[in-house]
C-alpha atoms as a PDB file:
ATOM      1  CA  MET A   1      32.670 137.975 -56.569  1.00  0.00           C
ATOM      2  CA  GLY A   2      29.699 136.397 -56.956  1.00  0.00           C
ATOM      3  CA  ARG A   3      30.725 134.050 -59.297  1.00  0.00           C
ATOM      4  CA  SER A   4      34.035 133.046 -57.626  1.00  0.00           C
ATOM      5  CA  ARG A   5      32.163 132.868 -54.250  1.00  0.00           C
ATOM      6  CA  GLY A   6      29.596 130.231 -56.617  1.00  0.00           C
ATOM      7  CA  VAL A   7      32.398 128.530 -57.740  1.00  0.00           C
ATOM      8  CA  ALA A   8      34.123 128.611 -54.157  1.00  0.00           C
ATOM      9  CA  VAL A   9      30.893 126.590 -53.059  1.00  0.00           C
ATOM     10  CA  VAL A  10      30.907 123.826 -55.905  1.00  0.00           C
ATOM     11  CA  VAL A  11      34.501 123.319 -54.807  1.00  0.00           C
ATOM     12  CA  ALA A  12      33.590 122.914 -51.264  1.00  0.00           C
ATOM     13  CA  GLY A  13      30.542 121.427 -52.361  1.00  0.00           C
ATOM     14  CA  LEU A  14      33.146 118.675 -54.005  1.00  0.00           C
ATOM     15  CA  VAL A  15      35.197 117.871 -51.840  1.00  0.00           C
ATOM     16  CA  LEU A  16      32.601 117.541 -49.127  1.00  0.00           C
ATOM     17  CA  VAL A  17      30.901 115.055 -51.195  1.00  0.00           C
ATOM     18  CA  VAL A  18      33.968 113.086 -52.116  1.00  0.00           C
ATOM     19  CA  GLY A  19      34.395 113.181 -48.568  1.00  0.00           C
ATOM     20  CA  GLY A  20      30.948 111.773 -47.973  1.00  0.00           C
ATOM     21  CA  CYS A  21      31.425 109.157 -50.278  1.00  0.00           C
ATOM     22  CA  GLY A  22      34.555 107.721 -49.093  1.00  0.00           C
ATOM     23  CA  GLU A  23      32.744 107.696 -45.417  1.00  0.00           C
ATOM     24  CA  GLY A  24      29.553 106.839 -46.898  1.00  0.00           C
ATOM     25  CA  GLY A  25      30.513 103.623 -48.668  1.00  0.00           C
ATOM     26  CA  THR A  26      31.459 102.208 -45.305  1.00  0.00           C
ATOM     27  CA  ASP A  27      28.277 103.107 -43.320  1.00  0.00           C
ATOM     28  CA  GLU A  28      26.614 101.520 -46.705  1.00  0.00           C
ATOM     29  CA  LYS A  29      28.149  98.543 -46.596  1.00  0.00           C
ATOM     30  CA  ALA A  30      28.117  98.260 -42.889  1.00  0.00           C
ATOM     31  CA  ALA A  31      23.999  99.151 -43.166  1.00  0.00           C
ATOM     32  CA  GLU A  32      23.730  96.339 -45.750  1.00  0.00           C
ATOM     33  CA  ALA A  33      25.652  94.021 -43.716  1.00  0.00           C
ATOM     34  CA  SER A  34      23.394  94.649 -40.332  1.00  0.00           C
ATOM     35  CA  ALA A  35      20.219  94.552 -42.967  1.00  0.00           C
ATOM     36  CA  GLU A  36      20.802  90.698 -43.560  1.00  0.00           C
ATOM     37  CA  PRO A  37      19.881  88.058 -41.732  1.00  0.00           C
ATOM     38  CA  LYS A  38      22.178  86.525 -39.178  1.00  0.00           C
ATOM     39  CA  PRO A  39      21.880  82.722 -38.161  1.00  0.00           C
ATOM     40  CA  THR A  40      21.027  82.742 -34.192  1.00  0.00           C
ATOM     41  CA  ARG A  41      23.100  79.729 -34.028  1.00  0.00           C
ATOM     42  CA  SER A  42      25.737  77.706 -36.345  1.00  0.00           C
ATOM     43  CA  PRO A  43      24.451  74.608 -37.051  1.00  0.00           C
ATOM     44  CA  SER A  44      26.898  72.867 -35.428  1.00  0.00           C
ATOM     45  CA  SER A  45      26.321  73.887 -32.221  1.00  0.00           C
ATOM     46  CA  SER A  46      22.795  72.213 -32.423  1.00  0.00           C
ATOM     47  CA  PRO A  47      23.103  68.841 -30.648  1.00  0.00           C
ATOM     48  CA  SER A  48      21.101  65.881 -31.713  1.00  0.00           C
ATOM     49  CA  SER A  49      19.202  64.008 -29.549  1.00  0.00           C
ATOM     50  CA  GLU A  50      21.938  61.302 -29.482  1.00  0.00           C
ATOM     51  CA  LEU A  51      24.570  63.550 -28.441  1.00  0.00           C
ATOM     52  CA  VAL A  52      22.091  64.677 -25.617  1.00  0.00           C
ATOM     53  CA  GLU A  53      21.275  60.730 -24.329  1.00  0.00           C
ATOM     54  CA  TRP A  54      24.946  60.788 -24.761  1.00  0.00           C
ATOM     55  CA  VAL A  55      26.336  63.645 -22.012  1.00  0.00           C
ATOM     56  CA  GLY A  56      23.030  62.650 -19.866  1.00  0.00           C
ATOM     57  CA  ASP A  57      24.486  59.101 -19.672  1.00  0.00           C
ATOM     58  CA  MET A  58      28.237  60.521 -18.886  1.00  0.00           C
ATOM     59  CA  CYS A  59      26.559  62.984 -16.309  1.00  0.00           C
ATOM     60  CA  GLU A  60      24.859  59.766 -14.801  1.00  0.00           C
ATOM     61  CA  SER A  61      27.843  58.023 -14.442  1.00  0.00           C
ATOM     62  CA  THR A  62      29.984  60.836 -12.743  1.00  0.00           C
ATOM     63  CA  VAL A  63      27.064  61.173 -10.227  1.00  0.00           C
ATOM     64  CA  ALA A  64      27.291  57.957  -9.660  1.00  0.00           C
ATOM     65  CA  LEU A  65      30.752  57.954  -8.548  1.00  0.00           C
ATOM     66  CA  GLN A  66      30.321  60.776  -6.737  1.00  0.00           C
ATOM     67  CA  ASN A  67      27.816  59.270  -4.700  1.00  0.00           C
ATOM     68  CA  LEU A  68      30.215  56.390  -4.266  1.00  0.00           C
ATOM     69  CA  ARG A  69      33.016  58.290  -2.783  1.00  0.00           C
ATOM     70  CA  LYS A  70      30.694  60.103  -0.702  1.00  0.00           C
ATOM     71  CA  GLU A  71      29.161  56.821   0.530  1.00  0.00           C
ATOM     72  CA  SER A  72      32.214  55.248   0.785  1.00  0.00           C
ATOM     73  CA  ALA A  73      34.032  57.872   3.222  1.00  0.00           C
ATOM     74  CA  ALA A  74      31.113  57.780   5.383  1.00  0.00           C
ATOM     75  CA  ASP A  75      30.929  54.031   6.029  1.00  0.00           C
ATOM     76  CA  LEU A  76      34.778  54.390   6.501  1.00  0.00           C
ATOM     77  CA  LYS A  77      34.282  56.571   9.334  1.00  0.00           C
ATOM     78  CA  GLU A  78      31.138  54.890  10.796  1.00  0.00           C
ATOM     79  CA  ILE A  79      33.874  51.748  10.892  1.00  0.00           C
ATOM     80  CA  ARG A  80      36.457  53.621  12.667  1.00  0.00           C
ATOM     81  CA  ASP A  81      33.888  55.206  15.336  1.00  0.00           C
ATOM     82  CA  SER A  82      32.770  52.154  16.041  1.00  0.00           C
ATOM     83  CA  ASP A  83      32.190  51.771  20.287  1.00  0.00           C
ATOM     84  CA  ASP A  84      31.473  48.206  19.923  1.00  0.00           C
ATOM     85  CA  GLU A  85      33.588  46.382  22.395  1.00  0.00           C
ATOM     86  CA  THR A  86      33.590  42.819  20.599  1.00  0.00           C
ATOM     87  CA  GLY A  87      34.244  44.322  16.998  1.00  0.00           C
ATOM     88  CA  MET A  88      31.589  41.786  15.781  1.00  0.00           C
ATOM     89  CA  LEU A  89      29.474  45.077  14.735  1.00  0.00           C
ATOM     90  CA  ALA A  90      32.387  46.555  12.903  1.00  0.00           C
ATOM     91  CA  GLN A  91      33.192  43.701  11.024  1.00  0.00           C
ATOM     92  CA  ALA A  92      29.459  43.052   9.981  1.00  0.00           C
ATOM     93  CA  HIS A  93      29.620  46.495   8.601  1.00  0.00           C
ATOM     94  CA  ALA A  94      33.014  46.177   6.964  1.00  0.00           C
ATOM     95  CA  LEU A  95      31.998  42.749   5.283  1.00  0.00           C
ATOM     96  CA  SER A  96      28.642  44.158   4.141  1.00  0.00           C
ATOM     97  CA  TYR A  97      30.942  47.185   2.779  1.00  0.00           C
ATOM     98  CA  LEU A  98      33.504  45.095   1.111  1.00  0.00           C
ATOM     99  CA  THR A  99      30.538  43.084  -0.433  1.00  0.00           C
ATOM    100  CA  SER A 100      28.655  45.821  -1.965  1.00  0.00           C
ATOM    101  CA  THR A 101      31.574  48.538  -2.859  1.00  0.00           C
ATOM    102  CA  PRO A 102      32.932  46.290  -5.658  1.00  0.00           C
ATOM    103  CA  ALA A 103      29.635  45.589  -7.116  1.00  0.00           C
ATOM    104  CA  ASP A 104      28.822  49.319  -7.061  1.00  0.00           C
ATOM    105  CA  VAL A 105      31.979  50.110  -8.707  1.00  0.00           C
ATOM    106  CA  GLU A 106      31.157  47.275 -11.666  1.00  0.00           C
ATOM    107  CA  ALA A 107      27.967  48.931 -12.461  1.00  0.00           C
ATOM    108  CA  VAL A 108      29.711  51.936 -13.497  1.00  0.00           C
ATOM    109  CA  ALA A 109      32.079  50.517 -15.316  1.00  0.00           C
ATOM    110  CA  GLY A 110      29.789  48.693 -17.098  1.00  0.00           C
ATOM    111  CA  ASP A 111      27.750  51.634 -18.069  1.00  0.00           C
ATOM    112  CA  LEU A 112      30.837  53.432 -19.214  1.00  0.00           C
ATOM    113  CA  GLU A 113      31.822  50.427 -21.115  1.00  0.00           C
ATOM    114  CA  ALA A 114      28.287  50.514 -23.367  1.00  0.00           C
ATOM    115  CA  LEU A 115      28.682  54.138 -23.832  1.00  0.00           C
ATOM    116  CA  GLY A 116      29.498  54.587 -27.361  1.00  0.00           C
ATOM    117  CA  PRO A 117      30.983  57.424 -29.419  1.00  0.00           C
ATOM    118  CA  SER A 118      29.548  60.898 -29.060  1.00  0.00           C
ATOM    119  CA  GLY A 119      31.054  62.379 -32.396  1.00  0.00           C
ATOM    120  CA  VAL A 120      32.963  64.755 -30.421  1.00  0.00           C
ATOM    121  CA  PRO A 121      36.676  63.791 -29.949  1.00  0.00           C
ATOM    122  CA  ALA A 122      37.409  65.571 -26.660  1.00  0.00           C
ATOM    123  CA  ALA A 123      34.526  63.946 -25.217  1.00  0.00           C
ATOM    124  CA  ASP A 124      35.219  60.674 -26.374  1.00  0.00           C
ATOM    125  CA  ARG A 125      38.928  61.056 -24.897  1.00  0.00           C
ATOM    126  CA  LEU A 126      37.336  61.683 -21.683  1.00  0.00           C
ATOM    127  CA  ARG A 127      34.892  58.974 -21.792  1.00  0.00           C
ATOM    128  CA  ASP A 128      37.506  56.649 -22.510  1.00  0.00           C
ATOM    129  CA  ALA A 129      40.059  58.011 -20.031  1.00  0.00           C
ATOM    130  CA  LEU A 130      37.136  57.500 -17.245  1.00  0.00           C
ATOM    131  CA  ARG A 131      36.487  54.544 -18.327  1.00  0.00           C
ATOM    132  CA  LYS A 132      39.754  53.030 -18.279  1.00  0.00           C
ATOM    133  CA  LYS A 133      40.408  54.336 -14.448  1.00  0.00           C
ATOM    134  CA  VAL A 134      37.006  52.873 -13.243  1.00  0.00           C
ATOM    135  CA  ARG A 135      37.529  49.460 -15.195  1.00  0.00           C
ATOM    136  CA  SER A 136      41.036  49.425 -13.453  1.00  0.00           C
ATOM    137  CA  VAL A 137      39.815  50.154  -9.653  1.00  0.00           C
ATOM    138  CA  ALA A 138      36.776  47.318 -10.501  1.00  0.00           C
ATOM    139  CA  ASN A 139      39.352  44.642 -11.672  1.00  0.00           C
ATOM    140  CA  GLU A 140      41.254  45.571  -8.236  1.00  0.00           C
ATOM    141  CA  LEU A 141      38.846  45.441  -6.204  1.00  0.00           C
ATOM    142  CA  GLY A 142      36.693  42.298  -7.709  1.00  0.00           C
ATOM    143  CA  ALA A 143      39.782  40.585  -6.303  1.00  0.00           C
ATOM    144  CA  GLN A 144      39.515  41.870  -2.549  1.00  0.00           C
ATOM    145  CA  SER A 145      37.975  39.051  -0.810  1.00  0.00           C
ATOM    146  CA  PRO A 146      35.437  40.377   1.771  1.00  0.00           C
ATOM    147  CA  ALA A 147      36.372  37.745   4.352  1.00  0.00           C
ATOM    148  CA  VAL A 148      38.888  39.316   6.830  1.00  0.00           C
ATOM    149  CA  GLY A 149      40.032  39.069  10.225  1.00  0.00           C
ATOM    150  CA  LEU A 150      38.619  41.477  12.955  1.00  0.00           C
ATOM    151  CA  GLU A 151      42.270  43.053  13.101  1.00  0.00           C
ATOM    152  CA  TYR A 152      41.923  43.567   9.160  1.00  0.00           C
ATOM    153  CA  ALA A 153      38.818  44.665   8.837  1.00  0.00           C
ATOM    154  CA  GLU A 154      39.472  48.942   9.443  1.00  0.00           C
ATOM    155  CA  SER A 155      42.617  48.735   7.121  1.00  0.00           C
ATOM    156  CA  THR A 156      40.969  46.745   4.433  1.00  0.00           C
ATOM    157  CA  VAL A 157      38.705  48.967   4.311  1.00  0.00           C
ATOM    158  CA  ALA A 158      40.320  52.079   4.436  1.00  0.00           C
ATOM    159  CA  ASP A 159      42.650  50.352   1.164  1.00  0.00           C
ATOM    160  CA  VAL A 160      39.507  50.134  -0.474  1.00  0.00           C
ATOM    161  CA  ASP A 161      38.051  53.381   0.193  1.00  0.00           C
ATOM    162  CA  LYS A 162      41.241  55.262  -0.907  1.00  0.00           C
ATOM    163  CA  ARG A 163      40.727  53.575  -4.363  1.00  0.00           C
ATOM    164  CA  VAL A 164      37.216  54.689  -4.389  1.00  0.00           C
ATOM    165  CA  GLN A 165      38.372  58.092  -3.672  1.00  0.00           C
ATOM    166  CA  SER A 166      40.496  58.080  -6.615  1.00  0.00           C
ATOM    167  CA  LEU A 167      37.716  57.697  -8.870  1.00  0.00           C
ATOM    168  CA  THR A 168      37.320  61.154 -10.332  1.00  0.00           C
ATOM    169  CA  PRO A 169      36.829  62.485 -13.353  1.00  0.00           C
ATOM    170  CA  PRO A 170      40.084  63.283 -15.281  1.00  0.00           C
ATOM    171  CA  GLU A 171      40.681  66.819 -16.447  1.00  0.00           C
ATOM    172  CA  PRO A 172      39.589  68.593 -18.609  1.00  0.00           C
ATOM    173  CA  ASP A 173      36.052  67.176 -17.049  1.00  0.00           C
ATOM    174  CA  LEU A 174      32.572  67.131 -19.016  1.00  0.00           C
ATOM    175  CA  PRO A 175      31.694  70.754 -17.554  1.00  0.00           C
ATOM    176  CA  ALA A 176      34.924  72.181 -19.194  1.00  0.00           C
ATOM    177  CA  LEU A 177      34.638  70.600 -22.353  1.00  0.00           C
ATOM    178  CA  THR A 178      31.447  72.126 -22.810  1.00  0.00           C
ATOM    179  CA  LYS A 179      33.277  75.727 -22.726  1.00  0.00           C
ATOM    180  CA  LYS A 180      35.154  74.773 -25.648  1.00  0.00           C
ATOM    181  CA  VAL A 181      32.632  72.768 -28.048  1.00  0.00           C
ATOM    182  CA  PRO A 182      29.313  74.871 -28.490  1.00  0.00           C
ATOM    183  CA  ARG A 183      26.889  71.741 -28.978  1.00  0.00           C
ATOM    184  CA  LEU A 184      28.864  70.048 -26.319  1.00  0.00           C
ATOM    185  CA  ALA A 185      27.440  72.647 -23.945  1.00  0.00           C
ATOM    186  CA  ALA A 186      23.947  72.696 -25.407  1.00  0.00           C
ATOM    187  CA  ALA A 187      23.598  69.161 -24.880  1.00  0.00           C
ATOM    188  CA  TYR A 188      24.644  69.389 -20.945  1.00  0.00           C
ATOM    189  CA  GLU A 189      21.944  72.127 -20.923  1.00  0.00           C
ATOM    190  CA  GLN A 190      19.185  69.667 -22.200  1.00  0.00           C
ATOM    191  CA  ALA A 191      20.272  66.485 -20.279  1.00  0.00           C
ATOM    192  CA  GLU A 192      18.108  66.144 -16.859  1.00  0.00           C
ATOM    193  CA  GLN A 193      21.145  64.306 -15.543  1.00  0.00           C
ATOM    194  CA  CYS A 194      23.527  67.096 -15.865  1.00  0.00           C
ATOM    195  CA  ALA A 195      21.131  69.318 -13.983  1.00  0.00           C
ATOM    196  CA  PRO A 196      22.534  70.476 -10.427  1.00  0.00           C
ATOM    197  CA  GLY A 197      21.267  67.956  -7.454  1.00  0.00           C
ATOM    198  CA  TRP A 198      19.773  65.760  -9.909  1.00  0.00           C
ATOM    199  CA  LYS A 199      19.355  62.147  -8.093  1.00  0.00           C
ATOM    200  CA  PRO A 200      19.087  58.366 -10.180  1.00  0.00           C
ATOM    201  CA  ASP A 201      15.318  56.985 -10.212  1.00  0.00           C
ATOM    202  CA  GLY A 202      14.094  55.509  -6.989  1.00  0.00           C
ATOM    203  CA  SER A 203      17.451  56.484  -5.018  1.00  0.00           C
ATOM    204  CA  SER A 204      15.361  58.912  -2.653  1.00  0.00           C
ATOM    205  CA  GLY A 205      17.727  58.158  -0.121  1.00  0.00           C
ATOM    206  CA  GLU A 206      19.106  55.704   2.718  1.00  0.00           C
ATOM    207  CA  GLY A 207      16.695  53.971   4.459  1.00  0.00           C
ATOM    208  CA  ASP A 208      14.059  54.022   1.454  1.00  0.00           C
ATOM    209  CA  SER A 209      11.710  51.018   1.634  1.00  0.00           C
ATOM    210  CA  SER A 210      11.126  51.376  -2.042  1.00  0.00           C
ATOM    211  CA  ALA A 211      14.521  50.620  -3.106  1.00  0.00           C
ATOM    212  CA  PRO A 212      14.903  46.972  -4.408  1.00  0.00           C
ATOM    213  CA  ASP A 213      16.772  44.834  -2.125  1.00  0.00           C
ATOM    214  CA  ARG A 214      19.779  43.281  -3.033  1.00  0.00           C
ATOM    215  CA  PRO A 215      20.314  39.656  -2.523  1.00  0.00           C
ATOM    216  CA  LEU A 216      22.438  38.095   0.357  1.00  0.00           C
ATOM    217  CA  PRO A 217      26.001  37.850  -0.549  1.00  0.00           C
ATOM    218  CA  LYS A 218      26.904  34.159  -0.630  1.00  0.00           C
ATOM    219  CA  ALA A 219      28.551  33.433   3.320  1.00  0.00           C
ATOM    220  CA  ALA A 220      31.838  31.232   2.788  1.00  0.00           C
ATOM    221  CA  ASP A 221      31.269  29.685   6.110  1.00  0.00           C
ATOM    222  CA  GLY A 222      27.623  29.159   5.797  1.00  0.00           C
ATOM    223  CA  LYS A 223      26.070  28.310   9.112  1.00  0.00           C
ATOM    224  CA  ASN A 224      29.077  27.088  10.486  1.00  0.00           C
ATOM    225  CA  TYR A 225      29.606  29.599  13.239  1.00  0.00           C
ATOM    226  CA  ALA A 226      32.113  27.563  14.936  1.00  0.00           C
ATOM    227  CA  ALA A 227      34.063  29.135  12.277  1.00  0.00           C
ATOM    228  CA  CYS A 228      34.457  31.969  13.867  1.00  0.00           C
ATOM    229  CA  SER A 229      36.759  30.967  16.811  1.00  0.00           C
ATOM    230  CA  ASP A 230      39.292  32.283  15.479  1.00  0.00           C
ATOM    231  CA  GLY A 231      37.668  36.019  14.627  1.00  0.00           C
ATOM    232  CA  ALA A 232      37.609  35.100  11.265  1.00  0.00           C
ATOM    233  CA  CYS A 233      34.530  34.242   9.366  1.00  0.00           C
ATOM    234  CA  GLU A 234      31.848  34.681   6.956  1.00  0.00           C
ATOM    235  CA  VAL A 235      28.846  33.449   8.133  1.00  0.00           C
ATOM    236  CA  LEU A 236      24.929  33.868   7.287  1.00  0.00           C
ATOM    237  CA  VAL A 237      22.417  35.199   9.998  1.00  0.00           C
ATOM    238  CA  THR A 238      18.853  34.749   9.190  1.00  0.00           C
ATOM    239  CA  SER A 239      17.072  35.011  12.705  1.00  0.00           C
ATOM    240  CA  THR A 240      19.214  34.752  15.696  1.00  0.00           C
ATOM    241  CA  ALA A 241      22.711  33.045  16.469  1.00  0.00           C
ATOM    242  CA  ASP A 242      25.213  32.942  19.298  1.00  0.00           C
ATOM    243  CA  ILE A 243      28.740  33.281  18.383  1.00  0.00           C
ATOM    244  CA  THR A 244      31.721  33.291  19.759  1.00  0.00           C
ATOM    245  CA  ALA A 245      35.037  34.814  18.438  1.00  0.00           C
ATOM    246  CA  LYS A 246      38.399  34.576  20.406  1.00  0.00           C
ATOM    247  CA  GLY A 247      36.719  34.160  23.047  1.00  0.00           C
ATOM    248  CA  THR A 248      33.802  36.519  23.410  1.00  0.00           C
ATOM    249  CA  LYS A 249      30.299  35.483  22.934  1.00  0.00           C
ATOM    250  CA  VAL A 250      27.834  37.705  21.279  1.00  0.00           C
ATOM    251  CA  HIS A 251      24.075  37.051  20.636  1.00  0.00           C
ATOM    252  CA  VAL A 252      22.927  38.011  17.177  1.00  0.00           C
ATOM    253  CA  ILE A 253      19.310  39.061  16.449  1.00  0.00           C
ATOM    254  CA  VAL A 254      18.086  40.010  12.860  1.00  0.00           C
ATOM    255  CA  ALA A 255      14.895  41.062  12.511  1.00  0.00           C
ATOM    256  CA  ASP A 256      13.069  43.555   9.851  1.00  0.00           C
ATOM    257  CA  ASP A 257      15.599  45.858   8.870  1.00  0.00           C
ATOM    258  CA  SER A 258      17.982  45.680  11.723  1.00  0.00           C
ATOM    259  CA  ILE A 259      20.413  43.817  13.418  1.00  0.00           C
ATOM    260  CA  THR A 260      21.037  43.580  17.285  1.00  0.00           C
ATOM    261  CA  VAL A 261      24.611  42.450  18.074  1.00  0.00           C
ATOM    262  CA  GLY A 262      25.312  41.724  21.247  1.00  0.00           C
ATOM    263  CA  GLY A 263      22.138  43.737  22.884  1.00  0.00           C
ATOM    264  CA  ARG A 264      23.396  46.872  20.609  1.00  0.00           C
ATOM    265  CA  ARG A 265      20.693  47.137  17.827  1.00  0.00           C
ATOM    266  CA  ASP A 266      21.704  49.121  14.581  1.00  0.00           C
ATOM    267  CA  ALA A 267      19.645  49.967  11.598  1.00  0.00           C
ATOM    268  CA  VAL A 268      21.104  47.892   8.397  1.00  0.00           C
ATOM    269  CA  ARG A 269      22.215  50.011   5.683  1.00  0.00           C
ATOM    270  CA  ARG A 270      20.815  49.804   2.164  1.00  0.00           C
ATOM    271  CA  ARG A 271      23.439  50.563  -0.220  1.00  0.00           C
ATOM    272  CA  GLY A 272      22.377  51.408  -3.620  1.00  0.00           C
ATOM    273  CA  ARG A 273      23.588  53.603  -6.730  1.00  0.00           C
END
């Protein structure tokens, strides 16, 4: 009886050992695998300094276009809401807008065209699509004449604003691509221009006296104020002038950073990227 019990124990023990080996083999392999050092990040996901710089430049161009769309919409609203009875102030604002906006778009187009390949195919396709879109609008606005009549000022600005508002990043945009490409995401995190609320150097806001002044645009009619008699002119006023447009006389005073038209004084807007 005792011997058969011993055999039974051995048999039972063998069964347990065999069963344990089957399960224990898996555990041993898992233990060995867990003991091996794991890479924290694959080499391909670590961004180079060149990629970080490239992503930063793309973010900077994106921010510039975002600011352009915002400023353009604000300018159009101011021109439409102008309560100047003579319309001269609205025209002056429109001429300023039509002169500066094409230059701003051209600047972004130039930055994108100077941006080389990133080494990430999807990112390069985004750059190419955005570059093509901005260049197309820049060429269209470059052919736009700032010399328009009073009756066309608002509609012309509205047409330019419509084109500026079209300057949105193609889909998928850069943030969307970072969700698919790890090293692009790492570069996005490191690029300071991609941080929320980032602003270009020297652009602390409207009216910043530290921002460099732009040269005055060339006036097609120079100081020939008589050219304004039909309501359509482009003249240069550096101090004071009496201008008659379609029978309406206005007195213009330019001093410091302000302009007074017909007795109303408004701050001169300084635009810049």
